[in-house]
């Protein structure tokens, strides 16, 4: 197993080599506007996966994929000439799903914004199903009513002290 830093350096170098070769042009009319987004190299440096995106329609993406597949051998020989490794890694071109994922995320964010505005509108026009404040509050007494009721219901106090009686002894 190779040092991960060395594998990353090789991946970066392959990315630059492939991008420059595509910039100089390939004699294939099917190749569209291709952008190399990333390169991943296996731990043993034997295989490189080149991720790319194509600007354009679905037909242009399919044509560019076919052109890159046809140019894989030429790209591998170009990489072999420009890297300092004992073995040249095999190359595989993989269409990167970044634009499709970005479009999907944009659609989801737009839908979330629309739902938020609907909820805000519903909250503005909402009314309570029951009482506005459903919590029980302590009863509030009027001062003049509470004092009179207590005095009238209370037993009269005679002012005499009565001693408790002892039970009869047997």
Protein backbone atom coordinates (compact mmCIF):
# COMPACT_ATOMS: atom_id res chain seq x y z
CA UNK A 1 0.00 0.00 0.00
CA UNK A 2 1.26 3.42 -0.95
CA UNK A 3 1.35 6.51 1.21
CA UNK A 4 -2.02 8.34 0.89
CA UNK A 5 -0.22 11.65 0.31
CA UNK A 6 1.62 10.12 -2.67
CA UNK A 7 -1.65 8.74 -4.07
CA UNK A 8 -3.27 12.19 -3.73
CA UNK A 9 -0.34 13.84 -5.50
CA UNK A 10 -0.55 11.34 -8.33
CA UNK A 11 -4.31 11.90 -8.60
CA UNK A 12 -3.77 15.65 -8.82
CA UNK A 13 -1.08 15.18 -11.46
CA UNK A 14 -3.34 12.89 -13.54
CA UNK A 15 -6.13 15.46 -13.29
CA UNK A 16 -3.88 18.17 -14.70
CA UNK A 17 -2.53 15.94 -17.49
CA UNK A 18 -5.99 14.82 -18.64
CA UNK A 19 -7.40 18.35 -18.45
CA UNK A 20 -4.53 19.78 -20.51
CA UNK A 21 -4.91 17.04 -23.10
CA UNK A 22 -8.63 17.75 -23.39
CA UNK A 23 -7.87 21.46 -23.67
CA UNK A 24 -5.51 20.82 -26.59
CA UNK A 25 -8.32 18.85 -28.17
CA UNK A 26 -9.15 15.35 -29.22
CA UNK A 27 -10.06 14.66 -32.81
CA UNK A 28 -13.51 13.40 -31.98
CA UNK A 29 -16.47 15.55 -33.00
CA UNK A 30 -18.64 13.90 -30.32
CA UNK A 31 -16.64 15.44 -27.48
CA UNK A 32 -18.46 18.39 -25.93
CA UNK A 33 -17.50 20.88 -23.25
CA UNK A 34 -15.93 18.51 -20.67
CA UNK A 35 -14.68 19.54 -17.25
CA UNK A 36 -12.55 17.22 -15.12
CA UNK A 37 -13.88 17.51 -11.56
CA UNK A 38 -11.84 14.95 -9.64
CA UNK A 39 -9.49 11.96 -9.91
CA UNK A 40 -9.33 9.09 -7.42
CA UNK A 41 -6.39 6.68 -7.45
CA UNK A 42 -6.47 3.28 -5.77
CA UNK A 43 -4.10 2.60 -2.89
CA UNK A 44 -1.75 0.55 -5.09
CA UNK A 45 -1.68 3.27 -7.82
CA UNK A 46 -2.90 0.77 -10.43
CA UNK A 47 -6.23 2.35 -11.30
CA UNK A 48 -7.40 5.95 -11.68
CA UNK A 49 -11.05 7.00 -11.81
CA UNK A 50 -11.46 10.31 -13.62
CA UNK A 51 -14.70 12.13 -12.80
CA UNK A 52 -16.03 14.62 -15.34
CA UNK A 53 -19.04 16.77 -16.14
CA UNK A 54 -20.35 17.85 -19.53
CA UNK A 55 -22.08 21.13 -20.15
CA UNK A 56 -25.03 20.58 -22.44
CA UNK A 57 -27.99 18.32 -23.13
CA UNK A 58 -28.37 14.61 -22.43
CA UNK A 59 -27.39 13.77 -26.02
CA UNK A 60 -24.19 15.80 -25.68
CA UNK A 61 -23.41 13.99 -22.42
CA UNK A 62 -23.87 10.60 -24.05
CA UNK A 63 -21.73 11.59 -27.05
CA UNK A 64 -18.99 12.95 -24.80
CA UNK A 65 -19.03 9.77 -22.72
CA UNK A 66 -18.57 7.70 -25.88
CA UNK A 67 -15.74 9.98 -27.06
CA UNK A 68 -13.95 9.73 -23.71
CA UNK A 69 -14.34 5.96 -23.67
CA UNK A 70 -12.80 5.82 -27.15
CA UNK A 71 -9.93 8.10 -26.07
CA UNK A 72 -9.10 6.15 -22.89
CA UNK A 73 -6.04 4.43 -24.39
CA UNK A 74 -4.66 7.69 -25.74
CA UNK A 75 -5.21 9.37 -22.36
CA UNK A 76 -3.45 6.53 -20.55
CA UNK A 77 -0.40 6.83 -22.81
CA UNK A 78 -0.39 10.61 -22.25
CA UNK A 79 -0.49 10.04 -18.48
CA UNK A 80 2.29 7.42 -18.74
CA UNK A 81 4.57 9.91 -20.54
CA UNK A 82 4.06 12.63 -17.95
CA UNK A 83 4.24 10.85 -14.59
CA UNK A 84 7.23 9.35 -12.88
CA UNK A 85 5.82 6.01 -11.81
CA UNK A 86 6.99 2.52 -12.63
CA UNK A 87 3.54 1.49 -13.87
CA UNK A 88 0.96 3.61 -15.62
CA UNK A 89 -2.47 3.29 -13.96
CA UNK A 90 -5.48 2.19 -15.96
CA UNK A 91 -7.96 5.02 -16.50
CA UNK A 92 -11.71 4.97 -16.23
CA UNK A 93 -13.93 7.96 -17.02
CA UNK A 94 -16.98 8.35 -14.77
CA UNK A 95 -19.68 10.96 -15.29
CA UNK A 96 -19.94 13.09 -12.16
CA UNK A 97 -23.45 13.74 -10.87
CA UNK A 98 -22.71 17.18 -9.43
CA UNK A 99 -24.95 19.19 -11.81
CA UNK A 100 -27.89 16.83 -11.38
CA UNK A 101 -27.47 16.79 -7.61
CA UNK A 102 -27.22 20.59 -7.53
CA UNK A 103 -30.42 20.88 -9.57
CA UNK A 104 -32.18 18.45 -7.24
CA UNK A 105 -31.05 20.40 -4.17
CA UNK A 106 -32.22 23.66 -5.78
CA UNK A 107 -35.64 22.12 -6.43
CA UNK A 108 -35.88 20.88 -2.84
CA UNK A 109 -34.91 24.30 -1.46
CA UNK A 110 -37.49 26.01 -3.69
CA UNK A 111 -40.19 23.59 -2.51
CA UNK A 112 -39.22 24.19 1.14
CA UNK A 113 -39.48 27.97 0.63
CA UNK A 114 -42.94 27.58 -0.92
CA UNK A 115 -44.11 25.42 1.98
CA UNK A 116 -42.72 27.93 4.49
CA UNK A 117 -44.69 30.75 2.86
CA UNK A 118 -47.84 28.60 2.95
CA UNK A 119 -47.33 27.88 6.65
CA UNK A 120 -46.71 31.58 7.37
CA UNK A 121 -49.93 32.50 5.56
CA UNK A 122 -51.88 29.87 7.50
CA UNK A 123 -50.40 31.15 10.78
CA UNK A 124 -51.44 34.73 10.00
CA UNK A 125 -55.06 33.77 9.33
CA UNK A 126 -55.35 31.12 12.05
CA UNK A 127 -57.87 31.38 14.89
CA UNK A 128 -57.95 29.52 18.18
CA UNK A 129 -59.99 26.29 18.28
CA UNK A 130 -61.11 26.95 21.87
CA UNK A 131 -60.40 29.68 24.34
CA UNK A 132 -57.56 31.97 23.55
CA UNK A 133 -55.86 31.07 26.82
CA UNK A 134 -56.74 27.46 27.77
CA UNK A 135 -54.86 27.43 31.09
CA UNK A 136 -56.80 27.49 34.39
CA UNK A 137 -56.20 30.65 36.38
CA UNK A 138 -56.64 31.02 40.14
CA UNK A 139 -60.08 32.34 41.07
CA UNK A 140 -60.15 36.04 41.78
CA UNK A 141 -62.46 37.15 44.62
CA UNK A 142 -64.00 40.52 45.03
CA UNK A 143 -62.82 41.93 48.35
CA UNK A 144 -66.22 42.86 49.73
CA UNK A 145 -67.83 39.45 48.86
CA UNK A 146 -65.19 37.19 50.34
CA UNK A 147 -65.03 38.78 53.82
CA UNK A 148 -68.78 38.77 54.41
CA UNK A 149 -69.29 35.15 53.36
CA UNK A 150 -66.63 33.89 55.74
CA UNK A 151 -68.01 35.82 58.71
CA UNK A 152 -71.59 34.66 58.22
CA UNK A 153 -70.69 30.97 57.83
CA UNK A 154 -68.27 30.83 60.78
CA UNK A 155 -69.57 29.53 64.16
CA UNK A 156 -70.03 32.08 66.89
CA UNK A 157 -67.20 32.32 69.39
CA UNK A 158 -68.31 32.61 72.98
CA UNK A 159 -65.03 33.68 74.48
CA UNK A 160 -65.04 30.95 77.20
CA UNK A 161 -62.35 28.37 77.42
CA UNK A 162 -63.58 24.80 77.83
CA UNK A 163 -61.13 22.21 79.12
CA UNK A 164 -61.06 18.90 77.43
CA UNK A 165 -62.65 16.09 79.37
CA UNK A 166 -60.70 13.07 80.45
CA UNK A 167 -62.05 9.66 79.65
CA UNK A 168 -63.55 7.76 82.56
CA UNK A 169 -61.16 5.44 84.34
CA UNK A 170 -62.20 1.85 84.73
